[in-house]
Structures are given as C-alpha cells and as structure tokens.
Amino acid sequence: MCALTAPEVFDQDPGDGRVLLLDARPPAGPVTAAAHEAAGLCPAGAITVLGRRPERIRRPEGAELPEGAAGPGR
C-alpha cells in the first residue's frame, strides 16, 4: 500500500514483498505529504514519518472551483 501511495519514497521487493525505503529524506511538498499518508495507510503500522505533516493545499479566498467540482453548499 505504501509503495502505491508514495512511489518516490517506497518500493516493494517483488521476491519477498518487503517494503524498501528509497528516500529517507524526501523533499518537502507533495512527496512528503504522500509519505505521511502512506504511513497512515500501512496495514502493519510499520512506518513512522518524523516531522510535521504538510498543510493541505487550500484554494485562495474567492477562487472558483473547477467546472463540476463539489464544494461547500453544492
């Protein structure tokens, strides 16, 4: 699950299925957010990510949602 969620950080050994750590210090931003998400999804609870989880990206105040996107009150 973690290799699918954060492929820049984790891989899976095809022989024994063990998870391989590819990048112990991923760059800040989406890759770090994916590493945090992968840790939360790990069925064995074997992954710990140190440091703060990045804030979710928020759209600027007054910015319109893309066509067809659901938002508050829609």
PDB file of N, CA and C in Angstrom:
ATOM      1  N   MET A   1       0.814  -1.192   0.000  1.00  0.00           N
ATOM      2  CA  MET A   1       0.000   0.000   0.000  1.00  0.00           C
ATOM      3  C   MET A   1       0.863   1.263   0.000  1.00  0.00           C
ATOM      4  N   CYS A   2       1.949   1.263   0.776  1.00  0.00           N
ATOM      5  CA  CYS A   2       2.774   2.466   0.847  1.00  0.00           C
ATOM      6  C   CYS A   2       3.512   2.717  -0.461  1.00  0.00           C
ATOM      7  N   ALA A   3       3.929   1.660  -1.150  1.00  0.00           N
ATOM      8  CA  ALA A   3       4.633   1.827  -2.424  1.00  0.00           C
ATOM      9  C   ALA A   3       3.706   2.414  -3.485  1.00  0.00           C
ATOM     10  N   LEU A   4       2.429   2.149  -3.388  1.00  0.00           N
ATOM     11  CA  LEU A   4       1.465   2.720  -4.330  1.00  0.00           C
ATOM     12  C   LEU A   4       1.138   4.171  -3.977  1.00  0.00           C
ATOM     13  N   THR A   5       1.127   4.475  -2.691  1.00  0.00           N
ATOM     14  CA  THR A   5       0.767   5.811  -2.221  1.00  0.00           C
ATOM     15  C   THR A   5       1.913   6.803  -2.373  1.00  0.00           C
ATOM     16  N   ALA A   6       3.138   6.360  -2.121  1.00  0.00           N
ATOM     17  CA  ALA A   6       4.313   7.238  -2.211  1.00  0.00           C
ATOM     18  C   ALA A   6       5.441   6.512  -2.949  1.00  0.00           C
ATOM     19  N   PRO A   7       5.297   6.315  -4.267  1.00  0.00           N
ATOM     20  CA  PRO A   7       6.303   5.557  -5.009  1.00  0.00           C
ATOM     21  C   PRO A   7       7.667   6.236  -5.087  1.00  0.00           C
ATOM     22  N   GLU A   8       7.745   7.529  -4.819  1.00  0.00           N
ATOM     23  CA  GLU A   8       9.024   8.217  -4.799  1.00  0.00           C
ATOM     24  C   GLU A   8       9.809   7.886  -3.530  1.00  0.00           C
ATOM     25  N   VAL A   9       9.110   7.405  -2.506  1.00  0.00           N
ATOM     26  CA  VAL A   9       9.716   7.151  -1.207  1.00  0.00           C
ATOM     27  C   VAL A   9       9.856   5.651  -0.923  1.00  0.00           C
ATOM     28  N   PHE A  10       8.879   4.850  -1.352  1.00  0.00           N
ATOM     29  CA  PHE A  10       8.854   3.425  -1.041  1.00  0.00           C
ATOM     30  C   PHE A  10       8.748   2.579  -2.313  1.00  0.00           C
ATOM     31  N   ASP A  11       9.296   1.382  -2.230  1.00  0.00           N
ATOM     32  CA  ASP A  11       9.125   0.386  -3.283  1.00  0.00           C
ATOM     33  C   ASP A  11       8.864  -0.940  -2.579  1.00  0.00           C
ATOM     34  N   GLN A  12       8.522  -1.956  -3.340  1.00  0.00           N
ATOM     35  CA  GLN A  12       8.257  -3.262  -2.754  1.00  0.00           C
ATOM     36  C   GLN A  12       9.081  -4.306  -3.483  1.00  0.00           C
ATOM     37  N   ASP A  13       9.782  -5.134  -2.714  1.00  0.00           N
ATOM     38  CA  ASP A  13      10.595  -6.194  -3.288  1.00  0.00           C
ATOM     39  C   ASP A  13       9.673  -7.222  -3.922  1.00  0.00           C
ATOM     40  N   PRO A  14       9.836  -7.496  -5.223  1.00  0.00           N
ATOM     41  CA  PRO A  14       8.945  -8.445  -5.889  1.00  0.00           C
ATOM     42  C   PRO A  14       9.124  -9.877  -5.397  1.00  0.00           C
ATOM     43  N   GLY A  15      10.287 -10.173  -4.831  1.00  0.00           N
ATOM     44  CA  GLY A  15      10.547 -11.533  -4.364  1.00  0.00           C
ATOM     45  C   GLY A  15       9.852 -11.872  -3.055  1.00  0.00           C
ATOM     46  N   ASP A  16      10.061 -11.031  -2.044  1.00  0.00           N
ATOM     47  CA  ASP A  16       9.501 -11.352  -0.727  1.00  0.00           C
ATOM     48  C   ASP A  16       8.418 -10.390  -0.269  1.00  0.00           C
ATOM     49  N   GLY A  17       8.153  -9.342  -1.043  1.00  0.00           N
ATOM     50  CA  GLY A  17       7.076  -8.415  -0.691  1.00  0.00           C
ATOM     51  C   GLY A  17       7.434  -7.379   0.347  1.00  0.00           C
ATOM     52  N   ARG A  18       8.671  -7.395   0.833  1.00  0.00           N
ATOM     53  CA  ARG A  18       9.072  -6.407   1.840  1.00  0.00           C
ATOM     54  C   ARG A  18       9.142  -5.018   1.219  1.00  0.00           C
ATOM     55  N   VAL A  19       8.844  -4.034   2.050  1.00  0.00           N
ATOM     56  CA  VAL A  19       8.889  -2.646   1.603  1.00  0.00           C
ATOM     57  C   VAL A  19      10.329  -2.152   1.663  1.00  0.00           C
ATOM     58  N   LEU A  20      10.726  -1.432   0.630  1.00  0.00           N
ATOM     59  CA  LEU A  20      12.061  -0.861   0.551  1.00  0.00           C
ATOM     60  C   LEU A  20      11.957   0.658   0.647  1.00  0.00           C
ATOM     61  N   LEU A  21      12.791   1.251   1.476  1.00  0.00           N
ATOM     62  CA  LEU A  21      12.834   2.704   1.611  1.00  0.00           C
ATOM     63  C   LEU A  21      13.774   3.247   0.544  1.00  0.00           C
ATOM     64  N   LEU A  22      13.244   4.053  -0.347  1.00  0.00           N
ATOM     65  CA  LEU A  22      14.036   4.628  -1.428  1.00  0.00           C
ATOM     66  C   LEU A  22      14.643   5.980  -1.057  1.00  0.00           C
ATOM     67  N   ASP A  23      13.927   6.766  -0.268  1.00  0.00           N
ATOM     68  CA  ASP A  23      14.374   8.113   0.068  1.00  0.00           C
ATOM     69  C   ASP A  23      14.028   8.413   1.518  1.00  0.00           C
ATOM     70  N   ALA A  24      15.041   8.398   2.388  1.00  0.00           N
ATOM     71  CA  ALA A  24      14.815   8.636   3.815  1.00  0.00           C
ATOM     72  C   ALA A  24      14.520  10.101   4.116  1.00  0.00           C
ATOM     73  N   ARG A  25      14.856  10.986   3.196  1.00  0.00           N
ATOM     74  CA  ARG A  25      14.615  12.422   3.392  1.00  0.00           C
ATOM     75  C   ARG A  25      13.998  13.010   2.125  1.00  0.00           C
ATOM     76  N   PRO A  26      12.732  12.690   1.883  1.00  0.00           N
ATOM     77  CA  PRO A  26      12.094  13.218   0.667  1.00  0.00           C
ATOM     78  C   PRO A  26      11.950  14.733   0.734  1.00  0.00           C
ATOM     79  N   PRO A  27      11.919  15.379  -0.428  1.00  0.00           N
ATOM     80  CA  PRO A  27      11.773  16.836  -0.443  1.00  0.00           C
ATOM     81  C   PRO A  27      10.413  17.255   0.111  1.00  0.00           C
ATOM     82  N   ALA A  28      10.392  18.435   0.679  1.00  0.00           N
ATOM     83  CA  ALA A  28       9.135  18.961   1.220  1.00  0.00           C
ATOM     84  C   ALA A  28       8.127  19.142   0.100  1.00  0.00           C
ATOM     85  N   GLY A  29       6.873  19.052   0.452  1.00  0.00           N
ATOM     86  CA  GLY A  29       5.808  19.239  -0.526  1.00  0.00           C
ATOM     87  C   GLY A  29       4.997  17.982  -0.725  1.00  0.00           C
ATOM     88  N   PRO A  30       4.523  17.752  -1.930  1.00  0.00           N
ATOM     89  CA  PRO A  30       3.637  16.614  -2.195  1.00  0.00           C
ATOM     90  C   PRO A  30       4.250  15.251  -1.869  1.00  0.00           C
ATOM     91  N   VAL A  31       5.568  15.106  -2.063  1.00  0.00           N
ATOM     92  CA  VAL A  31       6.203  13.812  -1.776  1.00  0.00           C
ATOM     93  C   VAL A  31       6.173  13.533  -0.275  1.00  0.00           C
ATOM     94  N   THR A  32       6.449  14.550   0.531  1.00  0.00           N
ATOM     95  CA  THR A  32       6.390  14.379   1.985  1.00  0.00           C
ATOM     96  C   THR A  32       4.963  14.105   2.439  1.00  0.00           C
ATOM     97  N   ALA A  33       4.003  14.792   1.863  1.00  0.00           N
ATOM     98  CA  ALA A  33       2.600  14.552   2.200  1.00  0.00           C
ATOM     99  C   ALA A  33       2.213  13.117   1.863  1.00  0.00           C
ATOM    100  N   ALA A  34       2.681  12.608   0.728  1.00  0.00           N
ATOM    101  CA  ALA A  34       2.382  11.229   0.339  1.00  0.00           C
ATOM    102  C   ALA A  34       3.028  10.246   1.315  1.00  0.00           C
ATOM    103  N   ALA A  35       4.232  10.552   1.801  1.00  0.00           N
ATOM    104  CA  ALA A  35       4.895   9.679   2.780  1.00  0.00           C
ATOM    105  C   ALA A  35       4.090   9.611   4.075  1.00  0.00           C
ATOM    106  N   HIS A  36       3.564  10.745   4.515  1.00  0.00           N
ATOM    107  CA  HIS A  36       2.716  10.764   5.719  1.00  0.00           C
ATOM    108  C   HIS A  36       1.445   9.945   5.490  1.00  0.00           C
ATOM    109  N   GLU A  37       0.851  10.098   4.329  1.00  0.00           N
ATOM    110  CA  GLU A  37      -0.362   9.340   4.015  1.00  0.00           C
ATOM    111  C   GLU A  37      -0.062   7.840   3.978  1.00  0.00           C
ATOM    112  N   ALA A  38       1.057   7.475   3.377  1.00  0.00           N
ATOM    113  CA  ALA A  38       1.448   6.068   3.300  1.00  0.00           C
ATOM    114  C   ALA A  38       1.629   5.477   4.696  1.00  0.00           C
ATOM    115  N   ALA A  39       2.222   6.230   5.597  1.00  0.00           N
ATOM    116  CA  ALA A  39       2.410   5.748   6.969  1.00  0.00           C
ATOM    117  C   ALA A  39       1.064   5.477   7.625  1.00  0.00           C
ATOM    118  N   GLY A  40       0.102   6.349   7.381  1.00  0.00           N
ATOM    119  CA  GLY A  40      -1.227   6.157   7.956  1.00  0.00           C
ATOM    120  C   GLY A  40      -1.972   4.974   7.364  1.00  0.00           C
ATOM    121  N   LEU A  41      -1.641   4.621   6.131  1.00  0.00           N
ATOM    122  CA  LEU A  41      -2.327   3.514   5.453  1.00  0.00           C
ATOM    123  C   LEU A  41      -1.639   2.173   5.646  1.00  0.00           C
ATOM    124  N   CYS A  42      -0.446   2.169   6.197  1.00  0.00           N
ATOM    125  CA  CYS A  42       0.320   0.933   6.355  1.00  0.00           C
ATOM    126  C   CYS A  42      -0.448  -0.062   7.222  1.00  0.00           C
ATOM    127  N   PRO A  43      -0.839  -1.217   6.666  1.00  0.00           N
ATOM    128  CA  PRO A  43      -1.636  -2.166   7.440  1.00  0.00           C
ATOM    129  C   PRO A  43      -0.895  -2.755   8.639  1.00  0.00           C
ATOM    130  N   ALA A  44       0.423  -2.789   8.579  1.00  0.00           N
ATOM    131  CA  ALA A  44       1.199  -3.339   9.699  1.00  0.00           C
ATOM    132  C   ALA A  44       1.584  -2.261  10.711  1.00  0.00           C
ATOM    133  N   GLY A  45       1.357  -1.000  10.365  1.00  0.00           N
ATOM    134  CA  GLY A  45       1.745   0.093  11.251  1.00  0.00           C
ATOM    135  C   GLY A  45       3.255   0.179  11.408  1.00  0.00           C
ATOM    136  N   ALA A  46       3.990  -0.254  10.395  1.00  0.00           N
ATOM    137  CA  ALA A  46       5.442  -0.351  10.472  1.00  0.00           C
ATOM    138  C   ALA A  46       6.169   0.911  10.023  1.00  0.00           C
ATOM    139  N   ILE A  47       5.440   1.920   9.552  1.00  0.00           N
ATOM    140  CA  ILE A  47       6.092   3.126   9.035  1.00  0.00           C
ATOM    141  C   ILE A  47       5.827   4.287   9.983  1.00  0.00           C
ATOM    142  N   THR A  48       6.904   4.983  10.318  1.00  0.00           N
ATOM    143  CA  THR A  48       6.806   6.203  11.111  1.00  0.00           C
ATOM    144  C   THR A  48       7.496   7.314  10.339  1.00  0.00           C
ATOM    145  N   VAL A  49       6.811   8.423  10.161  1.00  0.00           N
ATOM    146  CA  VAL A  49       7.390   9.572   9.479  1.00  0.00           C
ATOM    147  C   VAL A  49       7.608  10.652  10.523  1.00  0.00           C
ATOM    148  N   LEU A  50       8.846  11.107  10.634  1.00  0.00           N
ATOM    149  CA  LEU A  50       9.170  12.155  11.587  1.00  0.00           C
ATOM    150  C   LEU A  50       9.007  13.510  10.928  1.00  0.00           C
ATOM    151  N   GLY A  51       8.639  14.492  11.710  1.00  0.00           N
ATOM    152  CA  GLY A  51       8.448  15.843  11.180  1.00  0.00           C
ATOM    153  C   GLY A  51       6.967  16.131  11.023  1.00  0.00           C
ATOM    154  N   ARG A  52       6.694  17.378  10.734  1.00  0.00           N
ATOM    155  CA  ARG A  52       5.305  17.814  10.608  1.00  0.00           C
ATOM    156  C   ARG A  52       4.727  17.414   9.272  1.00  0.00           C
ATOM    157  N   ARG A  53       3.471  17.059   9.305  1.00  0.00           N
ATOM    158  CA  ARG A  53       2.750  16.767   8.072  1.00  0.00           C
ATOM    159  C   ARG A  53       2.447  18.094   7.382  1.00  0.00           C
ATOM    160  N   PRO A  54       2.716  18.171   6.080  1.00  0.00           N
ATOM    161  CA  PRO A  54       2.429  19.430   5.368  1.00  0.00           C
ATOM    162  C   PRO A  54       0.949  19.771   5.417  1.00  0.00           C
ATOM    163  N   GLU A  55       0.677  21.066   5.418  1.00  0.00           N
ATOM    164  CA  GLU A  55      -0.703  21.535   5.371  1.00  0.00           C
ATOM    165  C   GLU A  55      -1.318  21.136   4.039  1.00  0.00           C
ATOM    166  N   ARG A  56      -2.607  20.924   4.044  1.00  0.00           N
ATOM    167  CA  ARG A  56      -3.296  20.678   2.780  1.00  0.00           C
ATOM    168  C   ARG A  56      -3.299  21.963   1.967  1.00  0.00           C
ATOM    169  N   ILE A  57      -3.238  21.796   0.681  1.00  0.00           N
ATOM    170  CA  ILE A  57      -3.262  22.960  -0.188  1.00  0.00           C
ATOM    171  C   ILE A  57      -4.684  23.515  -0.213  1.00  0.00           C
ATOM    172  N   ARG A  58      -4.804  24.771   0.041  1.00  0.00           N
ATOM    173  CA  ARG A  58      -6.118  25.412   0.049  1.00  0.00           C
ATOM    174  C   ARG A  58      -6.192  26.374  -1.116  1.00  0.00           C
ATOM    175  N   ARG A  59      -7.385  26.477  -1.682  1.00  0.00           N
ATOM    176  CA  ARG A  59      -7.541  27.423  -2.781  1.00  0.00           C
ATOM    177  C   ARG A  59      -7.671  28.821  -2.198  1.00  0.00           C
ATOM    178  N   PRO A  60      -7.160  29.812  -2.914  1.00  0.00           N
ATOM    179  CA  PRO A  60      -7.237  31.191  -2.428  1.00  0.00           C
ATOM    180  C   PRO A  60      -8.682  31.633  -2.229  1.00  0.00           C
ATOM    181  N   GLU A  61      -8.888  32.500  -1.270  1.00  0.00           N
ATOM    182  CA  GLU A  61     -10.218  33.032  -0.987  1.00  0.00           C
ATOM    183  C   GLU A  61     -10.792  33.674  -2.242  1.00  0.00           C
ATOM    184  N   GLY A  62     -12.003  33.305  -2.573  1.00  0.00           N
ATOM    185  CA  GLY A  62     -12.671  33.867  -3.732  1.00  0.00           C
ATOM    186  C   GLY A  62     -12.390  33.126  -5.031  1.00  0.00           C
ATOM    187  N   ALA A  63     -11.452  32.184  -5.011  1.00  0.00           N
ATOM    188  CA  ALA A  63     -11.157  31.429  -6.233  1.00  0.00           C
ATOM    189  C   ALA A  63     -12.301  30.469  -6.526  1.00  0.00           C
ATOM    190  N   GLU A  64     -12.631  30.341  -7.769  1.00  0.00           N
ATOM    191  CA  GLU A  64     -13.727  29.461  -8.160  1.00  0.00           C
ATOM    192  C   GLU A  64     -13.250  28.026  -8.289  1.00  0.00           C
ATOM    193  N   LEU A  65     -14.149  27.098  -7.976  1.00  0.00           N
ATOM    194  CA  LEU A  65     -13.850  25.685  -8.159  1.00  0.00           C
ATOM    195  C   LEU A  65     -13.930  25.344  -9.632  1.00  0.00           C
ATOM    196  N   PRO A  66     -13.144  24.345 -10.071  1.00  0.00           N
ATOM    197  CA  PRO A  66     -13.251  23.908 -11.480  1.00  0.00           C
ATOM    198  C   PRO A  66     -14.661  23.416 -11.801  1.00  0.00           C
ATOM    199  N   GLU A  67     -15.029  23.503 -13.048  1.00  0.00           N
ATOM    200  CA  GLU A  67     -16.341  23.050 -13.510  1.00  0.00           C
ATOM    201  C   GLU A  67     -16.609  21.622 -13.047  1.00  0.00           C
ATOM    202  N   GLY A  68     -17.731  21.393 -12.400  1.00  0.00           N
ATOM    203  CA  GLY A  68     -18.129  20.056 -11.963  1.00  0.00           C
ATOM    204  C   GLY A  68     -17.606  19.654 -10.602  1.00  0.00           C
ATOM    205  N   ALA A  69     -16.757  20.470  -9.985  1.00  0.00           N
ATOM    206  CA  ALA A  69     -16.221  20.124  -8.668  1.00  0.00           C
ATOM    207  C   ALA A  69     -17.252  20.450  -7.594  1.00  0.00           C
ATOM    208  N   ALA A  70     -17.291  19.596  -6.582  1.00  0.00           N
ATOM    209  CA  ALA A  70     -18.215  19.827  -5.474  1.00  0.00           C
ATOM    210  C   ALA A  70     -17.523  20.672  -4.409  1.00  0.00           C
ATOM    211  N   GLY A  71     -18.227  21.577  -3.865  1.00  0.00           N
ATOM    212  CA  GLY A  71     -17.689  22.418  -2.806  1.00  0.00           C
ATOM    213  C   GLY A  71     -18.745  22.621  -1.739  1.00  0.00           C
ATOM    214  N   PRO A  72     -18.448  23.399  -0.701  1.00  0.00           N
ATOM    215  CA  PRO A  72     -19.434  23.628   0.362  1.00  0.00           C
ATOM    216  C   PRO A  72     -20.725  24.200  -0.213  1.00  0.00           C
ATOM    217  N   GLY A  73     -21.811  23.616   0.161  1.00  0.00           N
ATOM    218  CA  GLY A  73     -23.108  24.095  -0.256  1.00  0.00           C
ATOM    219  C   GLY A  73     -23.502  23.752  -1.679  1.00  0.00           C
ATOM    220  N   ARG A  74     -22.717  22.875  -2.331  1.00  0.00           N
ATOM    221  CA  ARG A  74     -23.047  22.497  -3.704  1.00  0.00           C
ATOM    222  C   ARG A  74     -23.629  21.125  -3.754  1.00  0.00           C
TER     223      ARG A  74
END
